[in-house]
């Protein structure tokens, strides 16, 4: 999405002042870091949930086999 915004602004001959300001002050790295941490947390949660679902499915299958 950021690349689209930059390419559109370049097409109109304008600079993105906020992006330049954040890059110059180093805050863009904080923003990217926070986004990566959030994305990593979501992935971790999904993998943990997937493991739990697999474990429950195997227990259900074992119970069905016992009947």
PDB file of N, CA and C in Angstrom:
ATOM      1  N   UNK A   1       0.834  -1.174   0.000  1.00  0.00           N
ATOM      2  CA  UNK A   1       0.000   0.000   0.000  1.00  0.00           C
ATOM      3  C   UNK A   1       0.888   1.250   0.000  1.00  0.00           C
ATOM      4  N   UNK A   2       1.979   1.201   0.750  1.00  0.00           N
ATOM      5  CA  UNK A   2       2.890   2.339   0.805  1.00  0.00           C
ATOM      6  C   UNK A   2       3.517   2.580  -0.558  1.00  0.00           C
ATOM      7  N   UNK A   3       3.899   1.498  -1.242  1.00  0.00           N
ATOM      8  CA  UNK A   3       4.511   1.650  -2.558  1.00  0.00           C
ATOM      9  C   UNK A   3       3.526   2.243  -3.560  1.00  0.00           C
ATOM     10  N   UNK A   4       2.263   1.884  -3.444  1.00  0.00           N
ATOM     11  CA  UNK A   4       1.238   2.451  -4.319  1.00  0.00           C
ATOM     12  C   UNK A   4       1.106   3.945  -4.076  1.00  0.00           C
ATOM     13  N   UNK A   5       1.100   4.334  -2.806  1.00  0.00           N
ATOM     14  CA  UNK A   5       0.993   5.748  -2.462  1.00  0.00           C
ATOM     15  C   UNK A   5       2.188   6.531  -3.001  1.00  0.00           C
ATOM     16  N   UNK A   6       3.364   5.976  -2.874  1.00  0.00           N
ATOM     17  CA  UNK A   6       4.569   6.656  -3.361  1.00  0.00           C
ATOM     18  C   UNK A   6       4.548   6.760  -4.880  1.00  0.00           C
ATOM     19  N   UNK A   7       4.166   5.675  -5.554  1.00  0.00           N
ATOM     20  CA  UNK A   7       4.160   5.709  -7.019  1.00  0.00           C
ATOM     21  C   UNK A   7       3.099   6.670  -7.554  1.00  0.00           C
ATOM     22  N   UNK A   8       1.959   6.733  -6.908  1.00  0.00           N
ATOM     23  CA  UNK A   8       0.906   7.662  -7.338  1.00  0.00           C
ATOM     24  C   UNK A   8       1.367   9.097  -7.121  1.00  0.00           C
ATOM     25  N   UNK A   9       2.005   9.367  -5.993  1.00  0.00           N
ATOM     26  CA  UNK A   9       2.456  10.736  -5.731  1.00  0.00           C
ATOM     27  C   UNK A   9       3.562  11.144  -6.694  1.00  0.00           C
ATOM     28  N   UNK A  10       4.406  10.193  -7.072  1.00  0.00           N
ATOM     29  CA  UNK A  10       5.458  10.519  -8.034  1.00  0.00           C
ATOM     30  C   UNK A  10       4.870  10.769  -9.415  1.00  0.00           C
ATOM     31  N   UNK A  11       3.784  10.096  -9.724  1.00  0.00           N
ATOM     32  CA  UNK A  11       3.149  10.293 -11.017  1.00  0.00           C
ATOM     33  C   UNK A  11       2.596  11.712 -11.139  1.00  0.00           C
ATOM     34  N   UNK A  12       2.170  12.288 -10.047  1.00  0.00           N
ATOM     35  CA  UNK A  12       1.656  13.641 -10.058  1.00  0.00           C
ATOM     36  C   UNK A  12       2.739  14.676  -9.775  1.00  0.00           C
ATOM     37  N   UNK A  13       3.975  14.221  -9.569  1.00  0.00           N
ATOM     38  CA  UNK A  13       5.079  15.146  -9.356  1.00  0.00           C
ATOM     39  C   UNK A  13       5.134  15.739  -7.964  1.00  0.00           C
ATOM     40  N   UNK A  14       4.515  15.077  -6.998  1.00  0.00           N
ATOM     41  CA  UNK A  14       4.516  15.569  -5.621  1.00  0.00           C
ATOM     42  C   UNK A  14       5.318  14.605  -4.758  1.00  0.00           C
ATOM     43  N   UNK A  15       5.947  15.154  -3.727  1.00  0.00           N
ATOM     44  CA  UNK A  15       6.634  14.321  -2.757  1.00  0.00           C
ATOM     45  C   UNK A  15       5.717  14.086  -1.568  1.00  0.00           C
ATOM     46  N   UNK A  16       5.893  12.960  -0.935  1.00  0.00           N
ATOM     47  CA  UNK A  16       5.130  12.659   0.262  1.00  0.00           C
ATOM     48  C   UNK A  16       5.914  13.239   1.437  1.00  0.00           C
ATOM     49  N   UNK A  17       5.434  14.352   1.946  1.00  0.00           N
ATOM     50  CA  UNK A  17       6.165  15.071   2.979  1.00  0.00           C
ATOM     51  C   UNK A  17       6.244  14.279   4.275  1.00  0.00           C
ATOM     52  N   UNK A  18       5.156  13.585   4.629  1.00  0.00           N
ATOM     53  CA  UNK A  18       5.156  12.836   5.875  1.00  0.00           C
ATOM     54  C   UNK A  18       6.181  11.710   5.828  1.00  0.00           C
ATOM     55  N   UNK A  19       6.272  11.022   4.698  1.00  0.00           N
ATOM     56  CA  UNK A  19       7.227   9.929   4.566  1.00  0.00           C
ATOM     57  C   UNK A  19       8.657  10.462   4.630  1.00  0.00           C
ATOM     58  N   UNK A  20       8.901  11.588   3.984  1.00  0.00           N
ATOM     59  CA  UNK A  20      10.240  12.179   4.032  1.00  0.00           C
ATOM     60  C   UNK A  20      10.598  12.610   5.446  1.00  0.00           C
ATOM     61  N   UNK A  21       9.648  13.187   6.148  1.00  0.00           N
ATOM     62  CA  UNK A  21       9.881  13.625   7.523  1.00  0.00           C
ATOM     63  C   UNK A  21      10.161  12.433   8.427  1.00  0.00           C
ATOM     64  N   UNK A  22       9.379  11.369   8.260  1.00  0.00           N
ATOM     65  CA  UNK A  22       9.571  10.188   9.109  1.00  0.00           C
ATOM     66  C   UNK A  22      10.896   9.499   8.792  1.00  0.00           C
ATOM     67  N   UNK A  23      11.280   9.479   7.522  1.00  0.00           N
ATOM     68  CA  UNK A  23      12.571   8.883   7.152  1.00  0.00           C
ATOM     69  C   UNK A  23      13.724   9.700   7.707  1.00  0.00           C
ATOM     70  N   UNK A  24      13.609  11.002   7.638  1.00  0.00           N
ATOM     71  CA  UNK A  24      14.709  11.855   8.097  1.00  0.00           C
ATOM     72  C   UNK A  24      14.889  11.794   9.608  1.00  0.00           C
ATOM     73  N   UNK A  25      13.800  11.624  10.354  1.00  0.00           N
ATOM     74  CA  UNK A  25      13.911  11.567  11.805  1.00  0.00           C
ATOM     75  C   UNK A  25      14.086  10.143  12.323  1.00  0.00           C
ATOM     76  N   UNK A  26      13.997   9.136  11.455  1.00  0.00           N
ATOM     77  CA  UNK A  26      14.194   7.747  11.850  1.00  0.00           C
ATOM     78  C   UNK A  26      12.955   7.091  12.414  1.00  0.00           C
ATOM     79  N   UNK A  27      11.835   7.792  12.432  1.00  0.00           N
ATOM     80  CA  UNK A  27      10.609   7.227  13.000  1.00  0.00           C
ATOM     81  C   UNK A  27       9.984   6.167  12.099  1.00  0.00           C
ATOM     82  N   UNK A  28      10.342   6.171  10.831  1.00  0.00           N
ATOM     83  CA  UNK A  28       9.784   5.172   9.909  1.00  0.00           C
ATOM     84  C   UNK A  28      10.190   3.779  10.344  1.00  0.00           C
ATOM     85  N   UNK A  29      11.375   3.640  10.930  1.00  0.00           N
ATOM     86  CA  UNK A  29      11.840   2.334  11.385  1.00  0.00           C
ATOM     87  C   UNK A  29      11.034   1.859  12.589  1.00  0.00           C
ATOM     88  N   UNK A  30      10.594   2.781  13.414  1.00  0.00           N
ATOM     89  CA  UNK A  30       9.734   2.430  14.546  1.00  0.00           C
ATOM     90  C   UNK A  30       8.385   1.937  14.034  1.00  0.00           C
ATOM     91  N   UNK A  31       7.842   2.631  13.057  1.00  0.00           N
ATOM     92  CA  UNK A  31       6.551   2.238  12.479  1.00  0.00           C
ATOM     93  C   UNK A  31       6.656   0.857  11.841  1.00  0.00           C
ATOM     94  N   UNK A  32       7.691   0.641  11.053  1.00  0.00           N
ATOM     95  CA  UNK A  32       7.887  -0.661  10.407  1.00  0.00           C
ATOM     96  C   UNK A  32       8.089  -1.745  11.458  1.00  0.00           C
ATOM     97  N   UNK A  33       8.853  -1.442  12.506  1.00  0.00           N
ATOM     98  CA  UNK A  33       9.074  -2.409  13.577  1.00  0.00           C
ATOM     99  C   UNK A  33       7.791  -2.802  14.279  1.00  0.00           C
ATOM    100  N   UNK A  34       6.955  -1.833  14.579  1.00  0.00           N
ATOM    101  CA  UNK A  34       5.682  -2.124  15.252  1.00  0.00           C
ATOM    102  C   UNK A  34       4.791  -2.968  14.354  1.00  0.00           C
ATOM    103  N   UNK A  35       4.749  -2.649  13.076  1.00  0.00           N
ATOM    104  CA  UNK A  35       3.936  -3.429  12.136  1.00  0.00           C
ATOM    105  C   UNK A  35       4.439  -4.862  12.056  1.00  0.00           C
ATOM    106  N   UNK A  36       5.769  -5.045  12.025  1.00  0.00           N
ATOM    107  CA  UNK A  36       6.333  -6.392  11.969  1.00  0.00           C
ATOM    108  C   UNK A  36       6.043  -7.174  13.247  1.00  0.00           C
ATOM    109  N   UNK A  37       6.100  -6.515  14.392  1.00  0.00           N
ATOM    110  CA  UNK A  37       5.790  -7.186  15.655  1.00  0.00           C
ATOM    111  C   UNK A  37       4.339  -7.623  15.688  1.00  0.00           C
ATOM    112  N   UNK A  38       3.438  -6.757  15.254  1.00  0.00           N
ATOM    113  CA  UNK A  38       2.012  -7.105  15.224  1.00  0.00           C
ATOM    114  C   UNK A  38       1.766  -8.267  14.266  1.00  0.00           C
ATOM    115  N   UNK A  39       2.367  -8.211  13.080  1.00  0.00           N
ATOM    116  CA  UNK A  39       2.205  -9.278  12.095  1.00  0.00           C
ATOM    117  C   UNK A  39       2.771 -10.591  12.630  1.00  0.00           C
ATOM    118  N   UNK A  40       3.930 -10.522  13.281  1.00  0.00           N
ATOM    119  CA  UNK A  40       4.520 -11.721  13.872  1.00  0.00           C
ATOM    120  C   UNK A  40       3.633 -12.307  14.959  1.00  0.00           C
ATOM    121  N   UNK A  41       3.028 -11.456  15.778  1.00  0.00           N
ATOM    122  CA  UNK A  41       2.119 -11.927  16.810  1.00  0.00           C
ATOM    123  C   UNK A  41       0.898 -12.613  16.232  1.00  0.00           C
ATOM    124  N   UNK A  42       0.371 -12.055  15.161  1.00  0.00           N
ATOM    125  CA  UNK A  42      -0.786 -12.671  14.509  1.00  0.00           C
ATOM    126  C   UNK A  42      -0.415 -14.036  13.940  1.00  0.00           C
ATOM    127  N   UNK A  43       0.756 -14.127  13.290  1.00  0.00           N
ATOM    128  CA  UNK A  43       1.201 -15.413  12.752  1.00  0.00           C
ATOM    129  C   UNK A  43       1.411 -16.437  13.858  1.00  0.00           C
ATOM    130  N   UNK A  44       2.030 -16.016  14.960  1.00  0.00           N
ATOM    131  CA  UNK A  44       2.243 -16.916  16.096  1.00  0.00           C
ATOM    132  C   UNK A  44       0.907 -17.432  16.629  1.00  0.00           C
ATOM    133  N   UNK A  45      -0.051 -16.543  16.776  1.00  0.00           N
ATOM    134  CA  UNK A  45      -1.384 -16.924  17.261  1.00  0.00           C
ATOM    135  C   UNK A  45      -2.050 -17.924  16.310  1.00  0.00           C
ATOM    136  N   UNK A  46      -1.936 -17.687  15.013  1.00  0.00           N
ATOM    137  CA  UNK A  46      -2.546 -18.596  14.038  1.00  0.00           C
ATOM    138  C   UNK A  46      -1.914 -19.976  14.082  1.00  0.00           C
ATOM    139  N   UNK A  47      -0.581 -20.048  14.201  1.00  0.00           N
ATOM    140  CA  UNK A  47       0.084 -21.338  14.266  1.00  0.00           C
ATOM    141  C   UNK A  47      -0.276 -22.085  15.555  1.00  0.00           C
ATOM    142  N   UNK A  48      -0.342 -21.374  16.675  1.00  0.00           N
ATOM    143  CA  UNK A  48      -0.724 -22.002  17.933  1.00  0.00           C
ATOM    144  C   UNK A  48      -2.159 -22.522  17.865  1.00  0.00           C
ATOM    145  N   UNK A  49      -3.037 -21.743  17.281  1.00  0.00           N
ATOM    146  CA  UNK A  49      -4.429 -22.165  17.138  1.00  0.00           C
ATOM    147  C   UNK A  49      -4.530 -23.378  16.218  1.00  0.00           C
ATOM    148  N   UNK A  50      -3.741 -23.390  15.158  1.00  0.00           N
ATOM    149  CA  UNK A  50      -3.720 -24.536  14.251  1.00  0.00           C
ATOM    150  C   UNK A  50      -3.259 -25.805  14.939  1.00  0.00           C
ATOM    151  N   UNK A  51      -2.248 -25.682  15.795  1.00  0.00           N
ATOM    152  CA  UNK A  51      -1.773 -26.851  16.544  1.00  0.00           C
ATOM    153  C   UNK A  51      -2.866 -27.380  17.475  1.00  0.00           C
ATOM    154  N   UNK A  52      -3.564 -26.462  18.142  1.00  0.00           N
ATOM    155  CA  UNK A  52      -4.630 -26.877  19.056  1.00  0.00           C
ATOM    156  C   UNK A  52      -5.757 -27.569  18.301  1.00  0.00           C
ATOM    157  N   UNK A  53      -6.098 -27.049  17.128  1.00  0.00           N
ATOM    158  CA  UNK A  53      -7.159 -27.657  16.317  1.00  0.00           C
ATOM    159  C   UNK A  53      -6.731 -29.050  15.872  1.00  0.00           C
ATOM    160  N   UNK A  54      -5.479 -29.194  15.435  1.00  0.00           N
ATOM    161  CA  UNK A  54      -4.991 -30.514  15.029  1.00  0.00           C
ATOM    162  C   UNK A  54      -5.043 -31.507  16.181  1.00  0.00           C
ATOM    163  N   UNK A  55      -4.664 -31.052  17.374  1.00  0.00           N
ATOM    164  CA  UNK A  55      -4.689 -31.916  18.546  1.00  0.00           C
ATOM    165  C   UNK A  55      -6.124 -32.342  18.874  1.00  0.00           C
ATOM    166  N   UNK A  56      -7.060 -31.395  18.799  1.00  0.00           N
ATOM    167  CA  UNK A  56      -8.464 -31.725  19.059  1.00  0.00           C
ATOM    168  C   UNK A  56      -9.018 -32.680  18.005  1.00  0.00           C
ATOM    169  N   UNK A  57      -8.643 -32.483  16.751  1.00  0.00           N
ATOM    170  CA  UNK A  57      -9.100 -33.375  15.685  1.00  0.00           C
ATOM    171  C   UNK A  57      -8.594 -34.792  15.902  1.00  0.00           C
ATOM    172  N   UNK A  58      -7.329 -34.906  16.332  1.00  0.00           N
ATOM    173  CA  UNK A  58      -6.790 -36.248  16.563  1.00  0.00           C
ATOM    174  C   UNK A  58      -7.467 -36.910  17.757  1.00  0.00           C
ATOM    175  N   UNK A  59      -7.798 -36.144  18.796  1.00  0.00           N
ATOM    176  CA  UNK A  59      -8.510 -36.713  19.948  1.00  0.00           C
ATOM    177  C   UNK A  59      -9.911 -37.163  19.549  1.00  0.00           C
ATOM    178  N   UNK A  60     -10.583 -36.380  18.716  1.00  0.00           N
ATOM    179  CA  UNK A  60     -11.924 -36.758  18.245  1.00  0.00           C
ATOM    180  C   UNK A  60     -11.846 -38.037  17.421  1.00  0.00           C
ATOM    181  N   UNK A  61     -10.827 -38.116  16.571  1.00  0.00           N
ATOM    182  CA  UNK A  61     -10.671 -39.315  15.744  1.00  0.00           C
ATOM    183  C   UNK A  61     -10.399 -40.540  16.609  1.00  0.00           C
ATOM    184  N   UNK A  62      -9.579 -40.381  17.658  1.00  0.00           N
ATOM    185  CA  UNK A  62      -9.305 -41.485  18.572  1.00  0.00           C
ATOM    186  C   UNK A  62     -10.585 -41.939  19.275  1.00  0.00           C
ATOM    187  N   UNK A  63     -11.393 -40.991  19.708  1.00  0.00           N
ATOM    188  CA  UNK A  63     -12.646 -41.334  20.379  1.00  0.00           C
ATOM    189  C   UNK A  63     -13.621 -42.032  19.433  1.00  0.00           C
ATOM    190  N   UNK A  64     -13.643 -41.621  18.180  1.00  0.00           N
ATOM    191  CA  UNK A  64     -14.514 -42.269  17.208  1.00  0.00           C
ATOM    192  C   UNK A  64     -14.036 -43.680  16.915  1.00  0.00           C
ATOM    193  N   UNK A  65     -12.711 -43.887  16.891  1.00  0.00           N
ATOM    194  CA  UNK A  65     -12.157 -45.216  16.631  1.00  0.00           C
ATOM    195  C   UNK A  65     -12.445 -46.168  17.786  1.00  0.00           C
ATOM    196  N   UNK A  66     -12.545 -45.635  18.998  1.00  0.00           N
ATOM    197  CA  UNK A  66     -12.806 -46.470  20.166  1.00  0.00           C
ATOM    198  C   UNK A  66     -14.249 -46.966  20.198  1.00  0.00           C
ATOM    199  N   UNK A  67     -15.157 -46.294  19.533  1.00  0.00           N
ATOM    200  CA  UNK A  67     -16.573 -46.677  19.551  1.00  0.00           C
ATOM    201  C   UNK A  67     -16.834 -47.839  18.679  1.00  0.00           C
TER     202      UNK A  67
END
